[in-house]
Amino acid sequence: MFFKKILYYINPANLFHRDPEAGVSLRMMHGVNKISFLMFLVCLVVMFIRWYTR
C-alpha cells in the first residue's frame, strides 16, 4: 500500500486531480503534501548525484 501511494503521487495525471467531495482545506493540505513529497524526491536525487560524482 505504501508503494501504491507513492506511485499515485508521482503520476502526473493525479497531480492536479480534484476530489469533488473534499473541502478547500483538505485540497490545500493534499496539494502541500504532494509538493513536499516531490521536493523530497528531488533532494534525494540531488544528494545521490553529489555522492556519486565525488
C-alpha atoms as a PDB file:
ATOM      1  CA  MET A   1       0.000   0.000   0.000  1.00  0.00           C
ATOM      2  CA  PHE A   2       2.908   2.346   0.735  1.00  0.00           C
ATOM      3  CA  PHE A   3       4.375   1.985  -2.760  1.00  0.00           C
ATOM      4  CA  LYS A   4       0.941   2.291  -4.305  1.00  0.00           C
ATOM      5  CA  LYS A   5       0.519   5.702  -2.640  1.00  0.00           C
ATOM      6  CA  ILE A   6       3.975   6.808  -3.832  1.00  0.00           C
ATOM      7  CA  LEU A   7       3.137   5.825  -7.396  1.00  0.00           C
ATOM      8  CA  TYR A   8      -0.156   7.700  -7.069  1.00  0.00           C
ATOM      9  CA  TYR A   9       1.704  10.881  -6.021  1.00  0.00           C
ATOM     10  CA  ILE A  10       4.299  10.559  -8.788  1.00  0.00           C
ATOM     11  CA  ASN A  11       1.710  10.050 -11.527  1.00  0.00           C
ATOM     12  CA  PRO A  12       1.321  13.397 -13.366  1.00  0.00           C
ATOM     13  CA  ALA A  13      -2.327  12.638 -14.190  1.00  0.00           C
ATOM     14  CA  ASN A  14      -3.154  12.660 -10.466  1.00  0.00           C
ATOM     15  CA  LEU A  15      -1.084  15.708  -9.631  1.00  0.00           C
ATOM     16  CA  PHE A  16      -3.869  18.189 -10.390  1.00  0.00           C
ATOM     17  CA  HIS A  17      -6.812  15.855  -9.798  1.00  0.00           C
ATOM     18  CA  ARG A  18      -9.557  17.356  -7.612  1.00  0.00           C
ATOM     19  CA  ASP A  19     -11.824  15.419  -5.318  1.00  0.00           C
ATOM     20  CA  PRO A  20     -15.298  16.990  -5.640  1.00  0.00           C
ATOM     21  CA  GLU A  21     -16.242  15.954  -2.099  1.00  0.00           C
ATOM     22  CA  ALA A  22     -13.207  17.496  -0.406  1.00  0.00           C
ATOM     23  CA  GLY A  23     -13.349  20.931   1.134  1.00  0.00           C
ATOM     24  CA  VAL A  24     -10.904  23.739   0.429  1.00  0.00           C
ATOM     25  CA  SER A  25      -8.755  22.985   3.486  1.00  0.00           C
ATOM     26  CA  LEU A  26      -8.402  19.331   2.597  1.00  0.00           C
ATOM     27  CA  ARG A  27      -7.499  20.112  -1.015  1.00  0.00           C
ATOM     28  CA  MET A  28      -4.858  22.607   0.128  1.00  0.00           C
ATOM     29  CA  MET A  29      -3.422  20.079   2.565  1.00  0.00           C
ATOM     30  CA  HIS A  30      -3.162  17.423  -0.157  1.00  0.00           C
ATOM     31  CA  GLY A  31      -1.559  19.950  -2.500  1.00  0.00           C
ATOM     32  CA  VAL A  32       1.080  20.882   0.052  1.00  0.00           C
ATOM     33  CA  ASN A  33       1.733  17.202   0.765  1.00  0.00           C
ATOM     34  CA  LYS A  34       2.272  16.490  -2.935  1.00  0.00           C
ATOM     35  CA  ILE A  35       4.633  19.442  -3.310  1.00  0.00           C
ATOM     36  CA  SER A  36       6.675  18.448  -0.252  1.00  0.00           C
ATOM     37  CA  PHE A  37       6.859  14.818  -1.413  1.00  0.00           C
ATOM     38  CA  LEU A  38       8.086  15.827  -4.871  1.00  0.00           C
ATOM     39  CA  MET A  39      10.673  18.182  -3.342  1.00  0.00           C
ATOM     40  CA  PHE A  40      11.864  15.342  -1.102  1.00  0.00           C
ATOM     41  CA  LEU A  41      12.343  13.081  -4.135  1.00  0.00           C
ATOM     42  CA  VAL A  42      14.248  15.814  -5.985  1.00  0.00           C
ATOM     43  CA  CYS A  43      16.523  16.315  -2.964  1.00  0.00           C
ATOM     44  CA  LEU A  44      17.225  12.585  -2.785  1.00  0.00           C
ATOM     45  CA  VAL A  45      18.202  12.587  -6.454  1.00  0.00           C
ATOM     46  CA  VAL A  46      20.483  15.607  -5.965  1.00  0.00           C
ATOM     47  CA  MET A  47      22.121  14.036  -2.919  1.00  0.00           C
ATOM     48  CA  PHE A  48      22.694  10.786  -4.826  1.00  0.00           C
ATOM     49  CA  ILE A  49      24.230  12.643  -7.793  1.00  0.00           C
ATOM     50  CA  ARG A  50      26.529  14.633  -5.489  1.00  0.00           C
ATOM     51  CA  TRP A  51      27.585  11.449  -3.692  1.00  0.00           C
ATOM     52  CA  TYR A  52      28.199   9.603  -6.961  1.00  0.00           C
ATOM     53  CA  THR A  53      30.337  12.368  -8.533  1.00  0.00           C
ATOM     54  CA  ARG A  54      32.732  12.624  -5.586  1.00  0.00           C
END
